[in-house]
Amino acid sequence: MSGKDEYYNRAKQQGYRSRSAYKLKQIDENADLFAHGDTVVDLGAAPGGWLQVAAEAVGETGTVVGVDLQRIDDLADHDVETIRGDMTEDRTRHYLREAVGEGGADVVVSDMAPNMTGEYSLDHARSVHLARQAFAVAEELLAPGGDFVVKVFQGDDLDGLRETVREAFEYVKTTSPPASRDASSEVYLVAKGRMTATVEAGDRLEVTVKERGEEGDGIAYVDGYTLFVPGTEPGDTVTVAVEDVKPRFGFAKCVDG
């Protein structure tokens, strides 16, 4: 039995709207994307296979929002909100932001692909363009530490796209889930840990310690970003060297004297 038949038949038997549902399942298994209660945005969500997988993973306490130019039939067994529209338009972005809420999304996924022309270089370029549009939405909607998954066709522009995404996340890997067809050139960029840091490792700067953390370290803020500074007390103004940067917070050492 071919891979195509295997996943197509499995989708029919298990009630998924598309065989691509298994791609997201496999990506989730390897990258630990979803947790109960997460808020997930699915771009290019029709016909709804990825929405089904996300809704199952986040449970009743989670939020799943899908957007597509095509109409997405209601998913009777899942609490999913769908938006029909172009995600590059302000109106659609407005509805997305309202659906996601002020806390932001935990995961943004995109399985979008261009209409195929048969000219590989053109199809690749269009897939990269769609991926960059999805990335722009992810940058707007993701909460600190959030994750992003996007499909793209392999080609000359893949490295540039991957580098752009890498700069905004803790790390990025390229994967091809087993459910992808053998002849397909598609891969998925899986980006973990949306970075919101306003500093970089190696930076030296003067900070004022505002409070003490649970472990006793001083805490300073740089444009809203949290820096832990061991050996300092609230009220201290010190020069520090940033040593480690995480999506939500970083660590610095005092270099005064």
Protein backbone atom coordinates (compact mmCIF):
# COMPACT_ATOMS: atom_id res chain seq x y z
CA MET A 1 0.00 0.00 0.00
CA SER A 2 1.38 3.38 -0.94
CA GLY A 3 1.95 6.13 1.61
CA LYS A 4 -0.76 8.15 -0.07
CA ASP A 5 -3.33 5.38 0.31
CA GLU A 6 -2.28 4.66 3.87
CA TYR A 7 -2.85 8.18 5.17
CA TYR A 8 -5.87 8.83 2.98
CA ASN A 9 -7.58 5.69 4.22
CA ARG A 10 -6.57 6.36 7.80
CA ALA A 11 -8.05 9.87 7.61
CA LYS A 12 -11.33 8.48 6.32
CA GLN A 13 -11.44 5.83 9.03
CA GLN A 14 -10.59 8.20 11.88
CA GLY A 15 -12.75 11.10 10.75
CA TYR A 16 -10.10 13.63 9.70
CA ARG A 17 -10.90 15.97 6.86
CA SER A 18 -7.53 15.59 5.18
CA ARG A 19 -4.58 13.23 5.12
CA SER A 20 -2.41 16.22 6.04
CA ALA A 21 -3.77 15.95 9.59
CA TYR A 22 -1.12 13.28 10.16
CA LYS A 23 1.64 15.68 9.17
CA LEU A 24 0.69 17.97 12.05
CA LYS A 25 0.31 15.02 14.41
CA GLN A 26 3.83 13.86 13.53
CA ILE A 27 5.29 17.36 13.84
CA ASP A 28 3.65 17.72 17.24
CA GLU A 29 5.03 14.38 18.40
CA ASN A 30 8.56 15.44 17.49
CA ALA A 31 8.44 19.11 18.47
CA ASP A 32 5.99 19.09 21.42
CA LEU A 33 3.93 21.92 19.97
CA PHE A 34 0.64 21.71 21.80
CA ALA A 35 -0.41 21.66 25.45
CA HIS A 36 -3.83 21.64 27.08
CA GLY A 37 -5.24 25.14 27.23
CA ASP A 38 -3.09 26.55 24.41
CA THR A 39 -4.30 29.13 21.93
CA VAL A 40 -3.60 28.00 18.35
CA VAL A 41 -3.97 29.87 15.04
CA ASP A 42 -4.12 27.85 11.80
CA LEU A 43 -3.47 29.86 8.62
CA GLY A 44 -4.88 28.46 5.40
CA ALA A 45 -6.96 26.10 7.50
CA ALA A 46 -9.42 24.67 4.94
CA PRO A 47 -10.72 22.00 4.85
CA GLY A 48 -9.98 21.69 8.58
CA GLY A 49 -7.77 18.65 9.20
CA TRP A 50 -5.17 20.66 11.10
CA LEU A 51 -7.93 22.38 13.08
CA GLN A 52 -9.16 18.97 14.21
CA VAL A 53 -5.70 17.91 15.37
CA ALA A 54 -5.08 21.19 17.21
CA ALA A 55 -8.48 21.12 18.90
CA GLU A 56 -7.91 17.58 20.14
CA ALA A 57 -4.49 18.53 21.49
CA VAL A 58 -5.47 21.69 23.38
CA GLY A 59 -8.71 20.31 24.80
CA GLU A 60 -11.82 22.09 25.99
CA THR A 61 -9.83 24.78 27.80
CA GLY A 62 -7.89 25.71 24.68
CA THR A 63 -8.69 28.08 21.82
CA VAL A 64 -8.33 27.20 18.14
CA VAL A 65 -8.83 29.76 15.36
CA GLY A 66 -8.64 28.97 11.65
CA VAL A 67 -8.48 31.44 8.78
CA ASP A 68 -8.81 30.78 5.06
CA LEU A 69 -10.09 32.42 1.90
CA GLN A 70 -12.33 29.38 1.45
CA ARG A 71 -15.28 28.57 3.67
CA ILE A 72 -14.52 26.03 6.39
CA ASP A 73 -17.47 23.83 7.28
CA ASP A 74 -18.31 23.76 10.97
CA LEU A 75 -16.46 21.16 13.00
CA ALA A 76 -19.34 19.73 14.99
CA ASP A 77 -17.21 17.82 17.49
CA HIS A 78 -14.77 20.66 18.23
CA ASP A 79 -15.00 24.19 19.61
CA VAL A 80 -13.18 25.97 16.80
CA GLU A 81 -13.61 29.53 15.53
CA THR A 82 -13.14 30.10 11.80
CA ILE A 83 -12.59 33.32 9.89
CA ARG A 84 -13.11 33.59 6.15
CA GLY A 85 -10.76 36.18 4.74
CA ASP A 86 -7.31 37.14 3.50
CA MET A 87 -4.85 37.18 6.37
CA THR A 88 -2.88 39.98 4.70
CA GLU A 89 -5.86 42.35 4.95
CA ASP A 90 -6.32 44.62 7.95
CA ARG A 91 -9.91 43.48 8.44
CA THR A 92 -8.93 39.82 8.73
CA ARG A 93 -6.01 40.66 11.04
CA HIS A 94 -8.43 42.58 13.26
CA TYR A 95 -10.75 39.60 13.57
CA LEU A 96 -7.77 37.35 14.27
CA ARG A 97 -6.46 39.59 17.05
CA GLU A 98 -9.92 39.70 18.62
CA ALA A 99 -10.27 35.92 18.48
CA VAL A 100 -6.81 35.31 19.94
CA GLY A 101 -7.13 37.85 22.75
CA GLU A 102 -4.61 40.03 24.54
CA GLY A 103 -2.55 37.09 25.79
CA GLY A 104 -1.49 36.20 22.28
CA ALA A 105 -1.23 32.81 20.60
CA ASP A 106 0.87 29.93 21.88
CA VAL A 107 1.22 28.35 18.43
CA VAL A 108 0.76 29.59 14.86
CA VAL A 109 0.74 26.96 12.10
CA SER A 110 0.49 27.24 8.34
CA ASP A 111 0.07 24.49 5.75
CA MET A 112 -0.55 26.97 2.93
CA ALA A 113 0.70 26.18 -0.56
CA PRO A 114 0.46 28.19 -3.78
CA ASN A 115 -1.62 27.19 -6.78
CA MET A 116 0.81 25.03 -8.71
CA THR A 117 2.02 26.19 -12.12
CA GLY A 118 4.33 23.28 -12.86
CA GLU A 119 7.29 25.67 -13.10
CA TYR A 120 9.31 24.66 -10.08
CA SER A 121 11.25 27.87 -9.48
CA LEU A 122 8.04 29.90 -9.61
CA ASP A 123 6.16 27.52 -7.32
CA HIS A 124 9.07 27.61 -4.87
CA ALA A 125 9.17 31.41 -4.89
CA ARG A 126 5.43 31.61 -4.30
CA SER A 127 5.64 29.14 -1.41
CA VAL A 128 8.34 31.27 0.20
CA HIS A 129 6.17 34.36 -0.25
CA LEU A 130 3.27 32.63 1.51
CA ALA A 131 5.59 31.46 4.27
CA ARG A 132 6.82 35.00 4.84
CA GLN A 133 3.22 36.21 5.06
CA ALA A 134 2.53 33.53 7.67
CA PHE A 135 5.68 34.55 9.54
CA ALA A 136 4.49 38.17 9.65
CA VAL A 137 1.22 37.00 11.23
CA ALA A 138 3.15 34.86 13.71
CA GLU A 139 5.30 37.83 14.72
CA GLU A 140 2.16 39.86 15.34
CA LEU A 141 0.16 37.24 17.24
CA LEU A 142 2.59 34.99 19.09
CA ALA A 143 3.13 35.43 22.80
CA PRO A 144 6.71 35.32 24.11
CA GLY A 145 7.96 31.73 23.93
CA GLY A 146 5.35 30.76 21.33
CA ASP A 147 5.98 28.35 18.45
CA PHE A 148 5.56 28.60 14.68
CA VAL A 149 5.25 25.92 11.97
CA VAL A 150 5.16 26.75 8.26
CA LYS A 151 5.28 24.76 5.03
CA VAL A 152 7.62 25.75 2.22
CA PHE A 153 8.97 24.10 -0.93
CA GLN A 154 12.68 23.41 -1.09
CA GLY A 155 14.74 25.70 -3.29
CA ASP A 156 17.23 28.54 -3.45
CA ASP A 157 15.28 30.89 -1.20
CA LEU A 158 14.77 28.42 1.65
CA ASP A 159 17.98 29.29 3.50
CA GLY A 160 17.14 33.00 3.52
CA LEU A 161 13.68 32.33 4.86
CA ARG A 162 15.02 30.01 7.54
CA GLU A 163 17.56 32.62 8.66
CA THR A 164 14.84 35.27 8.91
CA VAL A 165 12.71 33.00 11.07
CA ARG A 166 15.69 31.90 13.17
CA GLU A 167 16.41 35.49 14.21
CA ALA A 168 12.99 35.69 15.89
CA PHE A 169 13.04 32.34 17.73
CA GLU A 170 15.17 30.41 20.15
CA TYR A 171 15.84 27.78 17.50
CA VAL A 172 14.51 26.54 14.16
CA LYS A 173 14.69 23.11 12.55
CA THR A 174 13.62 21.82 9.15
CA THR A 175 11.60 18.62 9.05
CA SER A 176 9.75 16.42 6.58
CA PRO A 177 7.08 14.37 8.39
CA PRO A 178 6.53 10.78 7.22
CA ALA A 179 3.01 11.66 6.06
CA SER A 180 4.42 13.93 3.35
CA ARG A 181 4.31 12.25 -0.03
CA ASP A 182 7.60 10.76 -1.18
CA ALA A 183 7.66 12.84 -4.36
CA SER A 184 6.87 16.10 -2.57
CA SER A 185 9.46 18.86 -2.22
CA GLU A 186 7.68 20.30 0.81
CA VAL A 187 9.39 20.73 4.15
CA TYR A 188 8.28 22.39 7.36
CA LEU A 189 10.16 24.97 9.37
CA VAL A 190 9.48 24.37 13.06
CA ALA A 191 10.42 27.43 15.12
CA LYS A 192 10.39 27.15 18.90
CA GLY A 193 10.47 29.90 21.51
CA ARG A 194 9.39 33.28 20.13
CA MET A 195 12.02 35.76 21.26
CA THR A 196 10.99 39.18 22.55
CA ALA A 197 14.33 40.10 24.08
CA THR A 198 15.49 43.69 23.73
CA VAL A 199 19.07 42.64 24.54
CA GLU A 200 21.58 40.14 23.18
CA ALA A 201 24.17 37.95 24.87
CA GLY A 202 27.35 39.98 25.28
CA ASP A 203 25.63 43.34 25.66
CA ARG A 204 26.89 45.63 28.43
CA LEU A 205 24.44 48.12 29.85
CA GLU A 206 23.53 50.04 32.98
CA VAL A 207 20.39 48.86 34.73
CA THR A 208 18.51 49.66 37.92
CA VAL A 209 17.36 46.67 39.96
CA LYS A 210 13.64 47.01 40.67
CA GLU A 211 12.80 43.94 42.75
CA ARG A 212 14.02 40.60 44.05
CA GLY A 213 13.09 37.29 42.44
CA GLU A 214 11.94 34.12 44.19
CA GLU A 215 15.50 32.73 44.14
CA GLY A 216 16.93 35.94 45.62
CA ASP A 217 18.36 37.39 42.38
CA GLY A 218 17.83 41.05 41.58
CA ILE A 219 15.46 41.80 38.71
CA ALA A 220 15.92 44.65 36.25
CA TYR A 221 13.84 45.53 33.20
CA VAL A 222 15.10 46.66 29.80
CA ASP A 223 12.24 47.97 27.65
CA GLY A 224 9.93 45.55 29.44
CA TYR A 225 12.28 42.56 29.14
CA THR A 226 13.24 40.83 32.40
CA LEU A 227 16.89 40.43 33.38
CA PHE A 228 17.96 38.46 36.45
CA VAL A 229 21.11 39.91 38.06
CA PRO A 230 22.53 37.78 40.90
CA GLY A 231 24.20 39.57 43.81
CA THR A 232 22.18 42.76 43.53
CA GLU A 233 19.47 44.37 45.62
CA PRO A 234 16.43 46.48 44.71
CA GLY A 235 17.54 50.07 44.18
CA ASP A 236 21.05 49.17 42.93
CA THR A 237 22.14 50.78 39.68
CA VAL A 238 24.86 48.63 38.14
CA THR A 239 26.63 47.84 34.90
CA VAL A 240 25.92 44.30 33.72
CA ALA A 241 27.01 41.93 30.97
CA VAL A 242 24.20 39.88 29.44
CA GLU A 243 25.13 36.20 29.53
CA ASP A 244 22.06 34.24 28.43
CA VAL A 245 18.87 35.26 26.63
CA LYS A 246 15.64 33.26 26.78
CA PRO A 247 12.28 34.04 25.13
CA ARG A 248 10.77 35.57 28.29
CA PHE A 249 13.79 36.50 30.40
CA GLY A 250 17.56 36.62 30.48
CA PHE A 251 20.52 36.45 32.85
CA ALA A 252 23.25 39.01 33.38
CA LYS A 253 26.23 39.35 35.68
CA CYS A 254 27.26 42.51 37.46
CA VAL A 255 30.58 43.89 36.11
CA ASP A 256 30.88 47.01 38.25
CA GLY A 257 34.41 47.36 39.50
